[in-house]
C-alpha atoms as a PDB file:
ATOM      1  CA  MET A   1      84.049 104.795  97.392  1.00  0.00           C
ATOM      2  CA  ALA A   2      86.204 103.465  94.730  1.00  0.00           C
ATOM      3  CA  HIS A   3      89.862 103.940  94.087  1.00  0.00           C
ATOM      4  CA  GLU A   4      91.950 104.680  90.955  1.00  0.00           C
ATOM      5  CA  ILE A   5      95.326 103.420  90.429  1.00  0.00           C
ATOM      6  CA  SER A   6      98.061 105.490  88.605  1.00  0.00           C
ATOM      7  CA  GLU A   7     100.176 103.931  86.009  1.00  0.00           C
ATOM      8  CA  ALA A   8     103.025 104.154  88.163  1.00  0.00           C
ATOM      9  CA  ALA A   9     101.323 102.231  90.819  1.00  0.00           C
ATOM     10  CA  ARG A  10     100.258  99.490  88.205  1.00  0.00           C
ATOM     11  CA  GLN A  11     103.982  99.263  87.371  1.00  0.00           C
ATOM     12  CA  ASP A  12     104.884  98.822  91.013  1.00  0.00           C
ATOM     13  CA  LEU A  13     102.203  95.932  91.094  1.00  0.00           C
ATOM     14  CA  ASP A  14     103.825  94.144  88.129  1.00  0.00           C
ATOM     15  CA  GLU A  15     107.384  94.646  89.686  1.00  0.00           C
ATOM     16  CA  ILE A  16     106.137  93.246  93.118  1.00  0.00           C
ATOM     17  CA  TRP A  17     104.464  90.232  91.621  1.00  0.00           C
ATOM     18  CA  ASP A  18     107.520  89.506  89.274  1.00  0.00           C
ATOM     19  CA  PHE A  19     109.785  89.731  92.547  1.00  0.00           C
ATOM     20  CA  LEU A  20     107.798  87.667  94.668  1.00  0.00           C
ATOM     21  CA  HIS A  21     106.840  85.319  91.908  1.00  0.00           C
ATOM     22  CA  SER A  22     110.612  84.698  91.315  1.00  0.00           C
ATOM     23  CA  HIS A  23     111.843  84.410  94.829  1.00  0.00           C
ATOM     24  CA  PHE A  24     108.737  82.608  96.444  1.00  0.00           C
ATOM     25  CA  ASN A  25     105.810  80.568  95.526  1.00  0.00           C
ATOM     26  CA  ASP A  26     102.500  81.669  93.910  1.00  0.00           C
ATOM     27  CA  VAL A  27     100.859  81.105  97.341  1.00  0.00           C
ATOM     28  CA  SER A  28     102.999  83.655  99.031  1.00  0.00           C
ATOM     29  CA  ALA A  29     102.813  86.275  96.074  1.00  0.00           C
ATOM     30  CA  ARG A  30      99.289  85.936  95.873  1.00  0.00           C
ATOM     31  CA  LYS A  31      99.121  86.605  99.876  1.00  0.00           C
ATOM     32  CA  ILE A  32     101.072  89.632  99.720  1.00  0.00           C
ATOM     33  CA  LEU A  33      99.337  91.154  96.742  1.00  0.00           C
ATOM     34  CA  GLY A  34      96.037  90.261  98.455  1.00  0.00           C
ATOM     35  CA  GLU A  35      97.317  92.511 101.544  1.00  0.00           C
ATOM     36  CA  ILE A  36      97.904  95.239  99.185  1.00  0.00           C
ATOM     37  CA  GLU A  37      94.528  94.828  97.565  1.00  0.00           C
ATOM     38  CA  GLN A  38      92.768  94.810 100.870  1.00  0.00           C
ATOM     39  CA  ALA A  39      94.659  98.159 101.563  1.00  0.00           C
ATOM     40  CA  PHE A  40      92.869  99.614  98.446  1.00  0.00           C
ATOM     41  CA  LEU A  41      89.431  98.367  99.762  1.00  0.00           C
ATOM     42  CA  VAL A  42      90.198 100.095 103.168  1.00  0.00           C
ATOM     43  CA  LEU A  43      91.261 103.326 101.495  1.00  0.00           C
ATOM     44  CA  GLY A  44      88.176 103.152  99.352  1.00  0.00           C
ATOM     45  CA  ARG A  45      86.004 103.219 102.205  1.00  0.00           C
ATOM     46  CA  PHE A  46      88.351 105.349 104.457  1.00  0.00           C
ATOM     47  CA  PRO A  47      90.212 107.532 102.357  1.00  0.00           C
ATOM     48  CA  LEU A  48      91.739 109.466 105.219  1.00  0.00           C
ATOM     49  CA  ALA A  49      92.834 106.426 107.127  1.00  0.00           C
ATOM     50  CA  GLY A  50      96.392 106.919 106.210  1.00  0.00           C
ATOM     51  CA  ARG A  51      98.941 109.298 107.760  1.00  0.00           C
ATOM     52  CA  THR A  52      99.698 112.588 106.014  1.00  0.00           C
ATOM     53  CA  ARG A  53     103.063 112.862 104.494  1.00  0.00           C
ATOM     54  CA  ASP A  54     102.927 116.519 103.371  1.00  0.00           C
ATOM     55  CA  HIS A  55     106.243 117.085 105.695  1.00  0.00           C
ATOM     56  CA  ASP A  56     108.230 114.704 103.662  1.00  0.00           C
ATOM     57  CA  LEU A  57     106.922 113.202 100.406  1.00  0.00           C
ATOM     58  CA  GLY A  58     104.846 115.903  99.286  1.00  0.00           C
ATOM     59  CA  LYS A  59     101.660 118.035  99.903  1.00  0.00           C
ATOM     60  CA  GLY A  60      98.381 116.116  99.838  1.00  0.00           C
ATOM     61  CA  LEU A  61     100.242 112.647  99.975  1.00  0.00           C
ATOM     62  CA  ARG A  62      99.203 110.030 102.521  1.00  0.00           C
ATOM     63  CA  SER A  63     100.567 106.686 103.384  1.00  0.00           C
ATOM     64  CA  PHE A  64      98.964 103.439 104.628  1.00  0.00           C
ATOM     65  CA  ALA A  65     100.631 100.142 105.415  1.00  0.00           C
ATOM     66  CA  ALA A  66      99.970  96.959 103.576  1.00  0.00           C
ATOM     67  CA  GLY A  67     102.167  94.425 105.095  1.00  0.00           C
ATOM     68  CA  ASP A  68     105.637  95.142 104.212  1.00  0.00           C
ATOM     69  CA  HIS A  69     104.735  97.484 101.717  1.00  0.00           C
ATOM     70  CA  ILE A  70     103.641 101.168 101.662  1.00  0.00           C
ATOM     71  CA  VAL A  71     100.857 102.349  99.905  1.00  0.00           C
ATOM     72  CA  ILE A  72     101.430 106.190  98.900  1.00  0.00           C
ATOM     73  CA  TYR A  73      98.039 107.834  97.683  1.00  0.00           C
ATOM     74  CA  ARG A  74      96.317 111.198  97.343  1.00  0.00           C
ATOM     75  CA  ALA A  75      92.783 111.369  99.072  1.00  0.00           C
ATOM     76  CA  GLY A  76      90.169 112.992  96.571  1.00  0.00           C
ATOM     77  CA  PRO A  77      86.732 113.902  96.480  1.00  0.00           C
ATOM     78  CA  MET A  78      85.644 110.640  94.253  1.00  0.00           C
ATOM     79  CA  GLY A  79      88.134 108.309  96.349  1.00  0.00           C
ATOM     80  CA  PRO A  80      91.708 107.773  96.656  1.00  0.00           C
ATOM     81  CA  THR A  81      94.195 107.871  93.892  1.00  0.00           C
ATOM     82  CA  ILE A  82      96.898 105.031  94.474  1.00  0.00           C
ATOM     83  CA  LEU A  83     100.102 106.709  93.318  1.00  0.00           C
ATOM     84  CA  ARG A  84     102.859 103.940  94.366  1.00  0.00           C
ATOM     85  CA  MET A  85     103.293 100.786  96.275  1.00  0.00           C
ATOM     86  CA  ILE A  86     106.953 100.854  97.840  1.00  0.00           C
ATOM     87  CA  HIS A  87     108.366  98.139 100.096  1.00  0.00           C
ATOM     88  CA  GLY A  88     109.117  99.497 103.520  1.00  0.00           C
ATOM     89  CA  SER A  89     112.625  99.129 103.277  1.00  0.00           C
ATOM     90  CA  ARG A  90     113.182 101.531 100.347  1.00  0.00           C
ATOM     91  CA  ASP A  91     114.368 105.158 100.487  1.00  0.00           C
ATOM     92  CA  MET A  92     111.055 106.890  99.923  1.00  0.00           C
ATOM     93  CA  ASP A  93     112.752 110.452  99.990  1.00  0.00           C
ATOM     94  CA  ARG A  94     114.844 109.421  97.094  1.00  0.00           C
ATOM     95  CA  ILE A  95     112.055 107.744  95.086  1.00  0.00           C
ATOM     96  CA  PHE A  96     109.800 110.971  95.525  1.00  0.00           C
ATOM     97  CA  SER A  97     112.539 113.488  94.709  1.00  0.00           C
ATOM     98  CA  ASN A  98     112.090 112.521  91.092  1.00  0.00           C
ATOM     99  CA  ASP A  99     108.270 111.340  91.380  1.00  0.00           C
ATOM    100  CA  VAL A 100     104.471 112.411  91.922  1.00  0.00           C
END
């Protein structure tokens, strides 16, 4: 199954790249983005692999770890929709109180 990436998730990827590229080298940045892309592939094949987040982030939301980042997505009949990529140290409750 394929996956869809929301506009907010695309923006997250751009911001992750910008941060990594400015603070580390290209090799490190590509490695971390590769971990995130690998998570997308896993979720495309196994959309229910992540844990449910109904209780804290919102009904129907799931999360899946990709290195230090958390992929937030919604599993659907045509595959997962990737909603956000958030570093694990960030306050997801605050982010999702205004999001999704």
